[in-house]
Amino acid sequence: MYDYMKRHETLVRAALSADRAGVDWAELTRVHAVQLGYMQHERLIHLLVTLSVALFALLTLLFFIVHPTVAVGVLVLLLLVLFVPYVVHYFRLENGVQRWYDLANEIERRARPA
């Protein structure tokens, strides 16, 4: 996912640094909007998954407090270990989408007639 985001971001940044007349700004706006939509969907899905894992970890922790067993304790640890990479992944997606919003604003600014 990160390579996908980097490739697109590199393409857009190259177009933004290119000569104004050599870029089809309307097409770049369209392509970037489509890619941004994909990333927003991906971000939403990962938010839901991250929240679900957090909820299951909390519920399992509460169950462990009420009924402490080794198996439930291991499950709590596994869910907490799984939660950390989900948070990191979501954080990276969120920051990438925020960067893309800035790129979209710059594309829109350059697409306006001079």
C-alpha atoms as a PDB file:
ATOM      1  CA  MET A   1       0.000   0.000   0.000  1.00  0.00           C
ATOM      2  CA  TYR A   2       2.780   2.401   0.880  1.00  0.00           C
ATOM      3  CA  ASP A   3       4.568   1.768  -2.421  1.00  0.00           C
ATOM      4  CA  TYR A   4       1.295   2.419  -4.241  1.00  0.00           C
ATOM      5  CA  MET A   5       0.919   5.730  -2.421  1.00  0.00           C
ATOM      6  CA  LYS A   6       4.551   6.690  -3.033  1.00  0.00           C
ATOM      7  CA  ARG A   7       4.320   5.947  -6.775  1.00  0.00           C
ATOM      8  CA  HIS A   8       1.264   8.132  -7.188  1.00  0.00           C
ATOM      9  CA  GLU A   9       2.691  10.904  -5.021  1.00  0.00           C
ATOM     10  CA  THR A  10       5.923  10.854  -7.038  1.00  0.00           C
ATOM     11  CA  LEU A  11       3.934  11.117 -10.274  1.00  0.00           C
ATOM     12  CA  VAL A  12       1.925  14.095  -8.995  1.00  0.00           C
ATOM     13  CA  ARG A  13       4.955  15.877  -7.563  1.00  0.00           C
ATOM     14  CA  ALA A  14       6.799  15.413 -10.876  1.00  0.00           C
ATOM     15  CA  ALA A  15       3.850  16.945 -12.732  1.00  0.00           C
ATOM     16  CA  LEU A  16       3.719  19.843 -10.272  1.00  0.00           C
ATOM     17  CA  SER A  17       7.408  20.544 -10.761  1.00  0.00           C
ATOM     18  CA  ALA A  18       7.103  20.337 -14.573  1.00  0.00           C
ATOM     19  CA  ASP A  19       6.414  23.147 -16.998  1.00  0.00           C
ATOM     20  CA  ARG A  20       2.863  24.439 -16.613  1.00  0.00           C
ATOM     21  CA  ALA A  21       2.058  24.120 -20.322  1.00  0.00           C
ATOM     22  CA  GLY A  22       3.251  20.517 -20.560  1.00  0.00           C
ATOM     23  CA  VAL A  23       0.719  19.079 -18.106  1.00  0.00           C
ATOM     24  CA  ASP A  24      -2.922  18.194 -18.711  1.00  0.00           C
ATOM     25  CA  TRP A  25      -4.200  19.621 -15.431  1.00  0.00           C
ATOM     26  CA  ALA A  26      -7.785  18.486 -15.955  1.00  0.00           C
ATOM     27  CA  GLU A  27      -6.646  14.879 -16.433  1.00  0.00           C
ATOM     28  CA  LEU A  28      -4.263  15.081 -13.486  1.00  0.00           C
ATOM     29  CA  THR A  29      -7.095  16.467 -11.337  1.00  0.00           C
ATOM     30  CA  ARG A  30      -9.348  13.594 -12.404  1.00  0.00           C
ATOM     31  CA  VAL A  31      -6.723  10.891 -11.848  1.00  0.00           C
ATOM     32  CA  HIS A  32      -5.721  12.294  -8.465  1.00  0.00           C
ATOM     33  CA  ALA A  33      -9.358  12.538  -7.347  1.00  0.00           C
ATOM     34  CA  VAL A  34      -9.908   8.875  -8.259  1.00  0.00           C
ATOM     35  CA  GLN A  35      -6.752   7.796  -6.413  1.00  0.00           C
ATOM     36  CA  LEU A  36      -7.704   9.937  -3.427  1.00  0.00           C
ATOM     37  CA  GLY A  37     -11.100   8.226  -3.352  1.00  0.00           C
ATOM     38  CA  TYR A  38      -9.394   4.829  -3.281  1.00  0.00           C
ATOM     39  CA  MET A  39      -7.208   5.892  -0.379  1.00  0.00           C
ATOM     40  CA  GLN A  40     -10.128   7.381   1.540  1.00  0.00           C
ATOM     41  CA  HIS A  41     -11.953   4.068   1.192  1.00  0.00           C
ATOM     42  CA  GLU A  42      -8.859   2.156   2.285  1.00  0.00           C
ATOM     43  CA  ARG A  43      -8.458   4.487   5.267  1.00  0.00           C
ATOM     44  CA  LEU A  44     -12.098   3.989   6.303  1.00  0.00           C
ATOM     45  CA  ILE A  45     -11.808   0.209   6.114  1.00  0.00           C
ATOM     46  CA  HIS A  46      -8.624   0.225   8.178  1.00  0.00           C
ATOM     47  CA  LEU A  47     -10.194   2.535  10.731  1.00  0.00           C
ATOM     48  CA  LEU A  48     -13.076   0.097  11.162  1.00  0.00           C
ATOM     49  CA  VAL A  49     -10.700  -2.866  11.439  1.00  0.00           C
ATOM     50  CA  THR A  50      -8.494  -1.022  13.945  1.00  0.00           C
ATOM     51  CA  LEU A  51     -11.480  -0.061  16.068  1.00  0.00           C
ATOM     52  CA  SER A  52     -12.799  -3.618  15.921  1.00  0.00           C
ATOM     53  CA  VAL A  53      -9.497  -5.090  17.066  1.00  0.00           C
ATOM     54  CA  ALA A  54      -9.347  -2.514  19.881  1.00  0.00           C
ATOM     55  CA  LEU A  55     -12.904  -3.344  20.940  1.00  0.00           C
ATOM     56  CA  PHE A  56     -12.219  -7.086  20.927  1.00  0.00           C
ATOM     57  CA  ALA A  57      -9.012  -6.527  22.908  1.00  0.00           C
ATOM     58  CA  LEU A  58     -10.910  -4.489  25.502  1.00  0.00           C
ATOM     59  CA  LEU A  59     -13.744  -6.990  25.766  1.00  0.00           C
ATOM     60  CA  THR A  60     -11.266  -9.839  26.075  1.00  0.00           C
ATOM     61  CA  LEU A  61      -9.358  -7.909  28.735  1.00  0.00           C
ATOM     62  CA  LEU A  62     -12.574  -7.365  30.693  1.00  0.00           C
ATOM     63  CA  PHE A  63     -13.401 -11.059  30.369  1.00  0.00           C
ATOM     64  CA  PHE A  64      -9.878 -11.886  31.571  1.00  0.00           C
ATOM     65  CA  ILE A  65     -10.352  -9.671  34.628  1.00  0.00           C
ATOM     66  CA  VAL A  66     -13.592 -11.491  35.497  1.00  0.00           C
ATOM     67  CA  HIS A  67     -12.411 -15.010  34.534  1.00  0.00           C
ATOM     68  CA  PRO A  68      -8.608 -15.104  34.617  1.00  0.00           C
ATOM     69  CA  THR A  69      -7.276 -18.060  32.661  1.00  0.00           C
ATOM     70  CA  VAL A  70      -4.055 -18.565  30.746  1.00  0.00           C
ATOM     71  CA  ALA A  71      -5.845 -19.013  27.419  1.00  0.00           C
ATOM     72  CA  VAL A  72      -7.758 -15.738  27.757  1.00  0.00           C
ATOM     73  CA  GLY A  73      -4.574 -13.967  28.902  1.00  0.00           C
ATOM     74  CA  VAL A  74      -2.757 -15.194  25.799  1.00  0.00           C
ATOM     75  CA  LEU A  75      -5.658 -14.020  23.646  1.00  0.00           C
ATOM     76  CA  VAL A  76      -5.486 -10.554  25.238  1.00  0.00           C
ATOM     77  CA  LEU A  77      -1.771 -10.366  24.507  1.00  0.00           C
ATOM     78  CA  LEU A  78      -2.243 -11.513  20.920  1.00  0.00           C
ATOM     79  CA  LEU A  79      -4.941  -8.912  20.302  1.00  0.00           C
ATOM     80  CA  LEU A  80      -2.823  -6.156  21.826  1.00  0.00           C
ATOM     81  CA  VAL A  81       0.170  -7.206  19.719  1.00  0.00           C
ATOM     82  CA  LEU A  82      -2.065  -7.196  16.631  1.00  0.00           C
ATOM     83  CA  PHE A  83      -3.455  -3.785  17.542  1.00  0.00           C
ATOM     84  CA  VAL A  84      -0.075  -2.028  17.379  1.00  0.00           C
ATOM     85  CA  PRO A  85       0.612  -2.702  13.657  1.00  0.00           C
ATOM     86  CA  TYR A  86      -2.966  -1.706  12.823  1.00  0.00           C
ATOM     87  CA  VAL A  87      -2.487   1.643  14.542  1.00  0.00           C
ATOM     88  CA  VAL A  88       0.820   2.217  12.745  1.00  0.00           C
ATOM     89  CA  HIS A  89      -0.704   1.286   9.389  1.00  0.00           C
ATOM     90  CA  TYR A  90      -3.716   3.530   9.935  1.00  0.00           C
ATOM     91  CA  PHE A  91      -1.445   6.382  11.034  1.00  0.00           C
ATOM     92  CA  ARG A  92       0.562   6.070   7.814  1.00  0.00           C
ATOM     93  CA  LEU A  93      -2.596   5.947   5.691  1.00  0.00           C
ATOM     94  CA  GLU A  94      -4.024   8.994   7.447  1.00  0.00           C
ATOM     95  CA  ASN A  95      -0.844  11.006   6.984  1.00  0.00           C
ATOM     96  CA  GLY A  96      -0.629   9.968   3.331  1.00  0.00           C
ATOM     97  CA  VAL A  97      -4.194  11.060   2.640  1.00  0.00           C
ATOM     98  CA  GLN A  98      -3.544  14.384   4.369  1.00  0.00           C
ATOM     99  CA  ARG A  99      -0.506  14.918   2.093  1.00  0.00           C
ATOM    100  CA  TRP A 100      -2.676  14.065  -0.904  1.00  0.00           C
ATOM    101  CA  TYR A 101      -5.209  16.708   0.142  1.00  0.00           C
ATOM    102  CA  ASP A 102      -2.413  19.269  -0.052  1.00  0.00           C
ATOM    103  CA  LEU A 103      -1.446  17.938  -3.477  1.00  0.00           C
ATOM    104  CA  ALA A 104      -5.063  18.180  -4.632  1.00  0.00           C
ATOM    105  CA  ASN A 105      -5.186  21.812  -3.529  1.00  0.00           C
ATOM    106  CA  GLU A 106      -1.970  22.547  -5.422  1.00  0.00           C
ATOM    107  CA  ILE A 107      -3.265  20.799  -8.552  1.00  0.00           C
ATOM    108  CA  GLU A 108      -6.481  22.811  -8.383  1.00  0.00           C
ATOM    109  CA  ARG A 109      -4.500  26.022  -7.967  1.00  0.00           C
ATOM    110  CA  ARG A 110      -2.335  25.243 -10.998  1.00  0.00           C
ATOM    111  CA  ALA A 111      -5.295  24.068 -13.080  1.00  0.00           C
ATOM    112  CA  ARG A 112      -6.884  27.512 -12.931  1.00  0.00           C
ATOM    113  CA  PRO A 113      -6.266  29.653 -15.993  1.00  0.00           C
ATOM    114  CA  ALA A 114      -3.444  32.137 -15.507  1.00  0.00           C
END
